[in-house]
Amino acid sequence: MTTNKRIIFLGTPEFAVASLDALVKADRNIVAVVTAPDKLAGRGMHLQQSAVKKYAVEKGLNILQPEKLKDPIFLDELRALKADLQIVVAFRMMPEIVWNMPPMGTINLHGSLLPQYRGAAPINWAIINGEKETGVTTFKLKHEIDTGNILLSEKIPIGEDETAGELHDRMKEIGAQLLVKAVQGLAEGTLNEIDQSSVVSRQLSELKHAPKIFTETCKIDWSKPVDEVYNLIRGLSPYPSAFTYLDKKILKIYKAQKEKTTPSIATGSFNTDKKTFLKFATADGYINIKELQLEGKKKMNVEDFLRGHRFS
């Protein structure tokens, strides 16, 4: 279905590409794509384009890459595009002068069932907290982060052993289709916006948040129950990854299995046959590591690691 509604899309990482692609395939009128400036990265310090820019170039879309979102030249470019609607997916914080510009407003795709898990890392925290389901939500931007009126949402079950990376890859596709539905509903005037404050007062006794992940969040506390440690590992895999120490070096853990039993060794210590298994003791079990990366080495499965590692 075509529409004459003029849309500006704002996004940067790979998560946002699925949404932009779905809008393009739905024949929406994307008049510009706003993404992060190219940046120097890698060993050769070459200029790297964002995932969204690479896609936009491939599709011949108009691209804007402002250093600052309040730059008068950029704001003039936005106004000149006369957008009816802006869509933001995995982008940076936006000033009101930008999100309030189009007459139909700016809508965002968020990786949780709002109002739960507002913040920077909703996928990670849902798994870290052991949730059995999460979802995606499209909503209108307003002053306070992730608090605008809900347009559409869809529940997504979380697998018992699913990692943040695996959920991310499922969620970006489900979210992209939800976003297309939201844009169509807005264009047709068929959506009923839901005030998040009414959801909070009516349904929820506790709001869970999804703040930015810091290094301290990623450090494993082996005195915790095995379920909590396992959820932390899943919720931080593959990035930024949960870690502990082995031979005074950082050991990142990407995949593991949990064993509920009374440990026969001290909490935080490890057991290994130096061939097939490496497991750490928690308060009520073991974390059996399957995929890891020792500081200075590449990521590998536990058997390959044990074959080459000399324990001090």
Protein backbone atom coordinates (compact mmCIF):
# COMPACT_ATOMS: atom_id res chain seq x y z
CA MET A 1 0.00 0.00 0.00
CA THR A 2 1.41 3.40 -0.95
CA THR A 3 0.98 6.58 1.03
CA ASN A 4 1.89 10.18 0.37
CA LYS A 5 2.87 10.74 4.01
CA ARG A 6 6.43 12.05 4.02
CA ILE A 7 8.59 10.11 6.49
CA ILE A 8 12.05 10.77 7.94
CA PHE A 9 13.72 7.71 9.47
CA LEU A 10 16.32 8.10 12.24
CA GLY A 11 18.48 5.14 13.27
CA THR A 12 22.04 3.84 13.41
CA PRO A 13 22.78 0.18 14.27
CA GLU A 14 21.84 -3.09 12.62
CA PHE A 15 18.70 -3.40 14.80
CA ALA A 16 17.26 -0.35 12.99
CA VAL A 17 17.94 -1.72 9.48
CA ALA A 18 15.13 -4.29 9.74
CA SER A 19 12.62 -1.50 10.43
CA LEU A 20 13.88 0.71 7.61
CA ASP A 21 13.82 -2.26 5.22
CA ALA A 22 10.25 -3.14 6.22
CA LEU A 23 9.13 0.46 5.59
CA VAL A 24 10.84 0.52 2.19
CA LYS A 25 9.25 -2.82 1.23
CA ALA A 26 5.87 -1.46 2.37
CA ASP A 27 6.40 1.36 -0.16
CA ARG A 28 6.44 4.13 2.43
CA ASN A 29 7.65 7.54 1.30
CA ILE A 30 11.05 7.82 3.05
CA VAL A 31 12.24 11.36 2.21
CA ALA A 32 15.41 11.13 4.29
CA VAL A 33 17.40 8.85 6.58
CA VAL A 34 19.23 10.43 9.54
CA THR A 35 22.09 8.39 10.99
CA ALA A 36 25.38 8.78 12.88
CA PRO A 37 28.39 10.33 11.14
CA ASP A 38 31.00 7.94 9.76
CA LYS A 39 33.67 7.20 12.36
CA LEU A 40 37.22 5.90 12.43
CA ALA A 41 37.38 2.31 13.64
CA GLY A 42 39.37 -0.90 13.42
CA ARG A 43 43.10 -1.49 13.39
CA GLY A 44 43.59 0.54 10.24
CA MET A 45 41.41 3.37 11.61
CA HIS A 46 39.33 3.45 8.44
CA LEU A 47 36.08 5.39 8.19
CA GLN A 48 33.18 3.08 9.03
CA GLN A 49 29.58 3.73 7.99
CA SER A 50 26.67 2.84 10.26
CA ALA A 51 24.58 -0.20 9.34
CA VAL A 52 21.67 2.11 8.52
CA LYS A 53 23.82 4.26 6.22
CA LYS A 54 25.07 1.20 4.32
CA TYR A 55 21.47 0.13 3.73
CA ALA A 56 20.36 3.67 2.76
CA VAL A 57 23.21 3.99 0.25
CA GLU A 58 22.28 0.63 -1.27
CA LYS A 59 18.66 1.76 -1.68
CA GLY A 60 19.55 5.25 -2.96
CA LEU A 61 17.86 7.06 -0.06
CA ASN A 62 18.61 10.64 0.94
CA ILE A 63 21.06 10.57 3.90
CA LEU A 64 21.75 13.17 6.62
CA GLN A 65 24.59 12.69 9.14
CA PRO A 66 24.62 15.60 11.58
CA GLU A 67 27.31 15.80 14.26
CA LYS A 68 24.89 17.75 16.46
CA LEU A 69 21.12 17.50 16.29
CA LYS A 70 20.70 21.17 17.22
CA ASP A 71 22.94 22.34 14.36
CA PRO A 72 20.98 25.16 12.60
CA ILE A 73 21.99 23.88 9.14
CA PHE A 74 20.68 20.40 9.96
CA LEU A 75 17.45 21.82 11.41
CA ASP A 76 16.93 23.86 8.22
CA GLU A 77 17.44 20.69 6.15
CA LEU A 78 14.83 18.87 8.25
CA ARG A 79 12.29 21.68 7.89
CA ALA A 80 12.85 21.84 4.12
CA LEU A 81 11.91 18.15 3.84
CA LYS A 82 8.41 18.94 5.18
CA ALA A 83 8.01 15.53 6.80
CA ASP A 84 4.59 14.49 8.09
CA LEU A 85 6.05 11.89 10.43
CA GLN A 86 9.41 10.87 11.90
CA ILE A 87 10.33 7.34 12.93
CA VAL A 88 13.22 6.68 15.33
CA VAL A 89 14.70 3.23 15.97
CA ALA A 90 17.88 2.76 18.05
CA PHE A 91 19.06 6.35 17.71
CA ARG A 92 20.55 8.84 20.15
CA MET A 93 18.67 11.19 22.48
CA MET A 94 16.75 13.75 20.45
CA PRO A 95 16.04 17.38 21.37
CA GLU A 96 12.42 18.53 21.35
CA ILE A 97 13.07 20.84 18.40
CA VAL A 98 13.66 17.69 16.32
CA TRP A 99 11.07 15.24 17.63
CA ASN A 100 8.33 17.84 17.79
CA MET A 101 8.86 19.14 14.24
CA PRO A 102 6.52 17.01 12.08
CA PRO A 103 2.73 17.54 12.43
CA MET A 104 2.10 13.82 13.09
CA GLY A 105 4.95 13.71 15.64
CA THR A 106 7.76 11.19 16.04
CA ILE A 107 7.25 7.52 16.82
CA ASN A 108 9.77 5.16 18.37
CA LEU A 109 10.15 1.38 18.41
CA HIS A 110 11.20 0.13 21.85
CA GLY A 111 12.34 -3.39 22.77
CA SER A 112 10.00 -4.01 25.70
CA LEU A 113 6.34 -3.98 26.67
CA LEU A 114 6.16 -0.39 27.84
CA PRO A 115 5.87 0.97 30.47
CA GLN A 116 8.10 -1.88 31.67
CA TYR A 117 11.84 -1.71 30.95
CA ARG A 118 12.15 1.91 29.93
CA GLY A 119 15.76 2.78 29.25
CA ALA A 120 18.82 1.96 27.17
CA ALA A 121 19.06 -1.83 27.54
CA PRO A 122 15.58 -3.43 27.66
CA ILE A 123 16.55 -6.70 25.94
CA ASN A 124 19.46 -7.31 28.32
CA TRP A 125 17.58 -6.51 31.52
CA ALA A 126 14.52 -8.62 30.67
CA ILE A 127 16.76 -11.69 30.41
CA ILE A 128 18.98 -10.75 33.37
CA ASN A 129 15.83 -10.49 35.51
CA GLY A 130 14.64 -13.92 34.36
CA GLU A 131 11.52 -12.73 32.53
CA LYS A 132 9.57 -15.34 30.57
CA GLU A 133 8.21 -12.83 28.08
CA THR A 134 8.92 -9.36 26.76
CA GLY A 135 7.80 -7.55 23.62
CA VAL A 136 8.02 -4.56 21.32
CA THR A 137 6.14 -1.28 21.56
CA THR A 138 5.61 1.61 19.19
CA PHE A 139 4.93 4.91 20.94
CA LYS A 140 4.96 8.68 20.45
CA LEU A 141 8.00 10.57 21.72
CA LYS A 142 7.60 13.18 24.45
CA HIS A 143 9.84 14.87 27.06
CA GLU A 144 10.55 12.04 29.52
CA ILE A 145 12.37 9.10 27.95
CA ASP A 146 10.18 6.16 26.83
CA THR A 147 7.03 7.60 28.41
CA GLY A 148 4.98 8.72 25.38
CA ASN A 149 1.57 7.39 24.35
CA ILE A 150 1.56 3.74 23.23
CA LEU A 151 0.36 3.02 19.68
CA LEU A 152 0.81 -0.76 19.30
CA SER A 153 2.61 -3.51 21.21
CA GLU A 154 3.25 -7.21 20.71
CA LYS A 155 4.31 -9.85 23.25
CA ILE A 156 7.36 -12.06 22.61
CA PRO A 157 8.14 -15.19 24.69
CA ILE A 158 11.73 -15.55 25.93
CA GLY A 159 13.27 -19.01 25.60
CA GLU A 160 14.65 -20.60 28.77
CA ASP A 161 18.18 -20.63 27.33
CA GLU A 162 17.84 -17.70 24.91
CA THR A 163 20.60 -15.08 24.88
CA ALA A 164 20.20 -11.34 24.42
CA GLY A 165 21.72 -11.66 20.96
CA GLU A 166 19.23 -14.31 19.90
CA LEU A 167 16.28 -12.33 21.28
CA HIS A 168 17.60 -9.17 19.60
CA ASP A 169 17.59 -10.92 16.21
CA ARG A 170 14.00 -12.13 16.64
CA MET A 171 12.81 -8.86 18.10
CA LYS A 172 14.14 -6.64 15.29
CA GLU A 173 12.00 -8.52 12.73
CA ILE A 174 8.85 -8.61 14.87
CA GLY A 175 9.34 -4.95 15.76
CA ALA A 176 9.80 -3.97 12.11
CA GLN A 177 6.43 -5.46 11.15
CA LEU A 178 4.74 -3.81 14.15
CA LEU A 179 6.20 -0.47 13.08
CA VAL A 180 4.77 -0.83 9.57
CA LYS A 181 1.33 -1.51 11.11
CA ALA A 182 1.68 1.55 13.36
CA VAL A 183 2.59 3.82 10.44
CA GLN A 184 -0.38 2.52 8.45
CA GLY A 185 -2.70 3.04 11.41
CA LEU A 186 -1.47 6.59 11.93
CA ALA A 187 -1.83 7.40 8.22
CA GLU A 188 -5.38 6.05 8.24
CA GLY A 189 -6.28 7.59 11.60
CA THR A 190 -7.36 4.24 13.05
CA LEU A 191 -5.03 3.99 16.08
CA ASN A 192 -6.10 4.73 19.63
CA GLU A 193 -3.18 6.13 21.62
CA ILE A 194 -2.82 4.77 25.16
CA ASP A 195 -1.44 7.00 27.91
CA GLN A 196 1.29 5.06 29.72
CA SER A 197 0.38 6.58 33.07
CA SER A 198 -3.05 4.92 32.85
CA VAL A 199 -1.37 1.53 32.26
CA VAL A 200 0.91 2.06 35.27
CA SER A 201 -1.91 2.97 37.63
CA ARG A 202 -4.26 0.26 36.35
CA GLN A 203 -2.04 -2.81 35.90
CA LEU A 204 1.37 -2.54 37.47
CA SER A 205 2.54 -2.60 41.05
CA GLU A 206 6.24 -2.31 40.16
CA LEU A 207 8.02 -0.62 37.28
CA LYS A 208 11.21 -2.36 36.16
CA HIS A 209 13.87 -0.27 34.47
CA ALA A 210 16.52 -0.92 31.83
CA PRO A 211 19.45 1.40 32.51
CA LYS A 212 22.68 1.48 30.54
CA ILE A 213 24.94 -1.52 31.19
CA PHE A 214 28.22 -0.69 32.93
CA THR A 215 31.31 -2.85 33.53
CA GLU A 216 30.32 -3.49 37.14
CA THR A 217 27.00 -4.94 35.93
CA CYS A 218 28.91 -7.53 33.89
CA LYS A 219 31.10 -8.87 36.70
CA ILE A 220 29.80 -12.22 37.93
CA ASP A 221 29.07 -12.58 41.64
CA TRP A 222 29.49 -16.31 42.24
CA SER A 223 27.82 -16.08 45.65
CA LYS A 224 24.47 -15.61 43.87
CA PRO A 225 22.10 -18.51 43.06
CA VAL A 226 22.91 -20.41 39.87
CA ASP A 227 19.74 -19.17 38.12
CA GLU A 228 20.73 -15.53 38.64
CA VAL A 229 24.26 -16.10 37.36
CA TYR A 230 22.97 -18.03 34.36
CA ASN A 231 20.49 -15.25 33.51
CA LEU A 232 23.25 -12.65 33.76
CA ILE A 233 25.39 -14.62 31.29
CA ARG A 234 22.46 -15.00 28.87
CA GLY A 235 21.41 -11.38 29.25
CA LEU A 236 24.87 -10.03 28.41
CA SER A 237 25.71 -12.42 25.55
CA PRO A 238 27.22 -11.69 23.11
CA TYR A 239 27.77 -8.08 24.16
CA PRO A 240 29.07 -6.69 26.44
CA SER A 241 29.35 -10.19 28.02
CA ALA A 242 29.50 -11.36 31.61
CA PHE A 243 32.99 -11.92 33.00
CA THR A 244 35.00 -13.38 35.83
CA TYR A 245 38.72 -13.93 36.39
CA LEU A 246 40.91 -16.92 35.61
CA ASP A 247 44.64 -16.87 36.39
CA LYS A 248 44.30 -13.12 37.06
CA LYS A 249 42.99 -12.50 33.53
CA ILE A 250 39.49 -11.46 32.45
CA LEU A 251 37.43 -14.44 31.30
CA LYS A 252 34.33 -13.55 29.26
CA ILE A 253 31.55 -16.14 29.21
CA TYR A 254 29.21 -16.28 26.22
CA LYS A 255 27.47 -19.63 26.59
CA ALA A 256 27.03 -21.92 29.56
CA GLN A 257 24.83 -24.54 31.17
CA LYS A 258 23.60 -24.51 34.73
CA GLU A 259 23.72 -27.39 37.22
CA LYS A 260 21.56 -27.20 40.33
CA THR A 261 23.28 -29.16 43.05
CA THR A 262 25.16 -28.65 46.30
CA PRO A 263 28.68 -27.61 45.22
CA SER A 264 31.58 -29.68 46.55
CA ILE A 265 34.02 -26.76 46.14
CA ALA A 266 34.08 -23.21 47.47
CA THR A 267 31.83 -20.59 45.87
CA GLY A 268 33.67 -18.87 43.01
CA SER A 269 36.30 -21.58 42.60
CA PHE A 270 36.40 -23.82 39.55
CA ASN A 271 36.71 -27.46 38.66
CA THR A 272 38.03 -28.89 35.36
CA ASP A 273 39.31 -32.11 33.85
CA LYS A 274 41.47 -29.92 31.56
CA LYS A 275 39.90 -31.63 28.54
CA THR A 276 36.13 -31.33 28.32
CA PHE A 277 34.69 -29.14 31.09
CA LEU A 278 35.33 -26.01 33.12
CA LYS A 279 32.77 -25.12 35.76
CA PHE A 280 32.51 -22.52 38.51
CA ALA A 281 30.65 -22.99 41.79
CA THR A 282 27.73 -20.71 42.70
CA ALA A 283 25.66 -20.59 45.89
CA ASP A 284 23.56 -23.58 44.86
CA GLY A 285 25.15 -25.18 41.82
CA TYR A 286 27.64 -24.86 38.98
CA ILE A 287 27.96 -22.83 35.81
CA ASN A 288 29.40 -25.14 33.19
CA ILE A 289 31.09 -22.93 30.59
CA LYS A 290 30.59 -23.79 26.91
CA GLU A 291 31.91 -20.74 25.02
CA LEU A 292 34.42 -18.25 26.39
CA GLN A 293 37.19 -15.77 25.68
CA LEU A 294 40.25 -15.27 27.88
CA GLU A 295 41.86 -11.84 27.87
CA GLY A 296 44.25 -11.60 24.91
CA LYS A 297 42.76 -14.64 23.15
CA LYS A 298 39.98 -15.20 20.64
CA LYS A 299 36.49 -16.52 21.42
CA MET A 300 36.35 -20.33 21.42
CA ASN A 301 34.49 -23.35 22.76
CA VAL A 302 35.61 -24.81 26.07
CA GLU A 303 37.27 -27.92 24.58
CA ASP A 304 39.53 -25.84 22.31
CA PHE A 305 40.34 -23.54 25.20
CA LEU A 306 41.28 -26.38 27.56
CA ARG A 307 43.42 -28.02 24.89
CA GLY A 308 45.67 -24.96 24.73
CA HIS A 309 45.47 -23.42 28.23
CA ARG A 310 48.05 -24.01 30.95
CA PHE A 311 46.52 -23.35 34.37
CA SER A 312 48.79 -21.46 36.76
